[in-house]
C-alpha cells in the first residue's frame, strides 16, 4: 500500500485535532504536522513537502485559496479543503 504524508491547516485547534484523530484510522497516511494559518503552512510545505494538505478555506490573514495561488506548482501537494461553512462545501 502506498504511504502518504499529510499536513493539517486550520485556524481552529479543535478542528485540527479532530481531523488528526480521524486520520489515525488510515494507516497509509502519516500526519507530519499541523498549522494554524496560511503563513505557517506555506513554510511547512516548502520545508517538508507533504503529499496531501487538508486545508481550511476560511482563515484570518489569508484564505486557503489565496495560499494555494502562491505555492509554486513544482512543490504543490494535493489539497483537500475542509470547512465548516456550507457555502464552500461541495
C-alpha atoms as a PDB file:
ATOM      1  CA  UNK A   1       0.000   0.000   0.000  1.00  0.00           C
ATOM      2  CA  UNK A   2       1.265   3.465  -0.879  1.00  0.00           C
ATOM      3  CA  UNK A   3       2.184   5.690   2.065  1.00  0.00           C
ATOM      4  CA  UNK A   4       1.251   9.376   2.059  1.00  0.00           C
ATOM      5  CA  UNK A   5       2.360  12.271   4.236  1.00  0.00           C
ATOM      6  CA  UNK A   6      -0.099  14.964   5.235  1.00  0.00           C
ATOM      7  CA  UNK A   7      -0.399  18.409   6.760  1.00  0.00           C
ATOM      8  CA  UNK A   8      -3.479  19.770   8.528  1.00  0.00           C
ATOM      9  CA  UNK A   9      -4.119  23.526   8.232  1.00  0.00           C
ATOM     10  CA  UNK A  10      -6.942  25.147  10.197  1.00  0.00           C
ATOM     11  CA  UNK A  11      -7.201  28.172  12.464  1.00  0.00           C
ATOM     12  CA  UNK A  12      -9.426  26.236  14.906  1.00  0.00           C
ATOM     13  CA  UNK A  13      -7.459  23.971  17.281  1.00  0.00           C
ATOM     14  CA  UNK A  14     -10.401  21.607  17.821  1.00  0.00           C
ATOM     15  CA  UNK A  15     -10.867  21.196  14.075  1.00  0.00           C
ATOM     16  CA  UNK A  16      -7.169  20.330  13.630  1.00  0.00           C
ATOM     17  CA  UNK A  17      -7.236  17.822  16.480  1.00  0.00           C
ATOM     18  CA  UNK A  18     -10.490  16.274  15.287  1.00  0.00           C
ATOM     19  CA  UNK A  19      -9.147  15.723  11.798  1.00  0.00           C
ATOM     20  CA  UNK A  20      -5.849  14.342  13.122  1.00  0.00           C
ATOM     21  CA  UNK A  21      -7.793  11.910  15.289  1.00  0.00           C
ATOM     22  CA  UNK A  22      -9.888  10.726  12.341  1.00  0.00           C
ATOM     23  CA  UNK A  23      -6.819  10.306  10.138  1.00  0.00           C
ATOM     24  CA  UNK A  24      -5.296   7.882  12.658  1.00  0.00           C
ATOM     25  CA  UNK A  25      -7.685   5.267  11.219  1.00  0.00           C
ATOM     26  CA  UNK A  26      -5.866   5.480   7.886  1.00  0.00           C
ATOM     27  CA  UNK A  27      -2.557   3.683   8.388  1.00  0.00           C
ATOM     28  CA  UNK A  28      -1.308   4.755   4.941  1.00  0.00           C
ATOM     29  CA  UNK A  29      -1.475   8.467   5.925  1.00  0.00           C
ATOM     30  CA  UNK A  30       1.163   9.936   8.232  1.00  0.00           C
ATOM     31  CA  UNK A  31       0.311  13.379   9.582  1.00  0.00           C
ATOM     32  CA  UNK A  32       3.594  15.307   9.608  1.00  0.00           C
ATOM     33  CA  UNK A  33       2.220  18.365  11.341  1.00  0.00           C
ATOM     34  CA  UNK A  34      -0.467  20.935  11.924  1.00  0.00           C
ATOM     35  CA  UNK A  35      -0.503  24.649  11.102  1.00  0.00           C
ATOM     36  CA  UNK A  36      -2.900  27.336  12.282  1.00  0.00           C
ATOM     37  CA  UNK A  37      -2.624  29.704   9.327  1.00  0.00           C
ATOM     38  CA  UNK A  38      -1.542  30.006   5.706  1.00  0.00           C
ATOM     39  CA  UNK A  39       1.798  31.642   6.508  1.00  0.00           C
ATOM     40  CA  UNK A  40       2.869  28.722   8.707  1.00  0.00           C
ATOM     41  CA  UNK A  41       1.550  26.244   6.154  1.00  0.00           C
ATOM     42  CA  UNK A  42       3.492  27.743   3.244  1.00  0.00           C
ATOM     43  CA  UNK A  43       6.755  27.452   5.160  1.00  0.00           C
ATOM     44  CA  UNK A  44       5.928  23.902   6.244  1.00  0.00           C
ATOM     45  CA  UNK A  45       5.063  22.835   2.685  1.00  0.00           C
ATOM     46  CA  UNK A  46       8.327  24.254   1.329  1.00  0.00           C
ATOM     47  CA  UNK A  47      10.396  22.522   4.017  1.00  0.00           C
ATOM     48  CA  UNK A  48       8.620  19.157   4.424  1.00  0.00           C
ATOM     49  CA  UNK A  49       6.839  18.687   1.050  1.00  0.00           C
ATOM     50  CA  UNK A  50       3.788  16.728   2.256  1.00  0.00           C
ATOM     51  CA  UNK A  51       1.819  14.718  -0.301  1.00  0.00           C
ATOM     52  CA  UNK A  52      -1.579  15.948   0.934  1.00  0.00           C
ATOM     53  CA  UNK A  53      -2.732  19.125   2.677  1.00  0.00           C
ATOM     54  CA  UNK A  54      -6.075  19.208   4.476  1.00  0.00           C
ATOM     55  CA  UNK A  55      -6.745  22.930   4.164  1.00  0.00           C
ATOM     56  CA  UNK A  56      -9.337  25.174   5.776  1.00  0.00           C
ATOM     57  CA  UNK A  57     -10.942  27.504   3.255  1.00  0.00           C
ATOM     58  CA  UNK A  58     -11.594  30.477   5.528  1.00  0.00           C
ATOM     59  CA  UNK A  59      -8.763  31.617   7.816  1.00  0.00           C
ATOM     60  CA  UNK A  60      -7.743  35.024   9.164  1.00  0.00           C
ATOM     61  CA  UNK A  61      -4.988  36.781   7.248  1.00  0.00           C
ATOM     62  CA  UNK A  62      -5.047  34.655   4.110  1.00  0.00           C
ATOM     63  CA  UNK A  63      -7.624  32.183   2.838  1.00  0.00           C
ATOM     64  CA  UNK A  64      -6.789  28.675   1.720  1.00  0.00           C
ATOM     65  CA  UNK A  65      -7.474  29.677  -1.888  1.00  0.00           C
ATOM     66  CA  UNK A  66      -5.080  32.617  -1.661  1.00  0.00           C
ATOM     67  CA  UNK A  67      -2.409  30.362  -0.200  1.00  0.00           C
ATOM     68  CA  UNK A  68      -2.736  27.824  -2.999  1.00  0.00           C
ATOM     69  CA  UNK A  69      -2.307  30.566  -5.611  1.00  0.00           C
ATOM     70  CA  UNK A  70       1.070  31.449  -4.080  1.00  0.00           C
ATOM     71  CA  UNK A  71       2.543  27.942  -3.978  1.00  0.00           C
ATOM     72  CA  UNK A  72       4.868  27.015  -6.806  1.00  0.00           C
ATOM     73  CA  UNK A  73       3.358  24.180  -8.816  1.00  0.00           C
ATOM     74  CA  UNK A  74       6.510  22.060  -8.598  1.00  0.00           C
ATOM     75  CA  UNK A  75       6.098  21.874  -4.810  1.00  0.00           C
ATOM     76  CA  UNK A  76       2.312  21.696  -4.753  1.00  0.00           C
ATOM     77  CA  UNK A  77       0.767  18.815  -2.828  1.00  0.00           C
ATOM     78  CA  UNK A  78      -2.783  17.574  -3.349  1.00  0.00           C
ATOM     79  CA  UNK A  79      -5.199  19.839  -1.483  1.00  0.00           C
ATOM     80  CA  UNK A  80      -8.327  18.654   0.284  1.00  0.00           C
ATOM     81  CA  UNK A  81     -10.495  21.507   1.511  1.00  0.00           C
ATOM     82  CA  UNK A  82     -12.082  21.294   4.942  1.00  0.00           C
ATOM     83  CA  UNK A  83     -14.635  23.821   6.099  1.00  0.00           C
ATOM     84  CA  UNK A  84     -17.492  24.419   8.492  1.00  0.00           C
ATOM     85  CA  UNK A  85     -19.171  26.810   6.038  1.00  0.00           C
ATOM     86  CA  UNK A  86     -21.995  25.427   3.890  1.00  0.00           C
ATOM     87  CA  UNK A  87     -21.346  27.849   1.039  1.00  0.00           C
ATOM     88  CA  UNK A  88     -17.910  26.263   0.446  1.00  0.00           C
ATOM     89  CA  UNK A  89     -18.988  22.639   0.804  1.00  0.00           C
ATOM     90  CA  UNK A  90     -19.405  20.563  -2.346  1.00  0.00           C
END
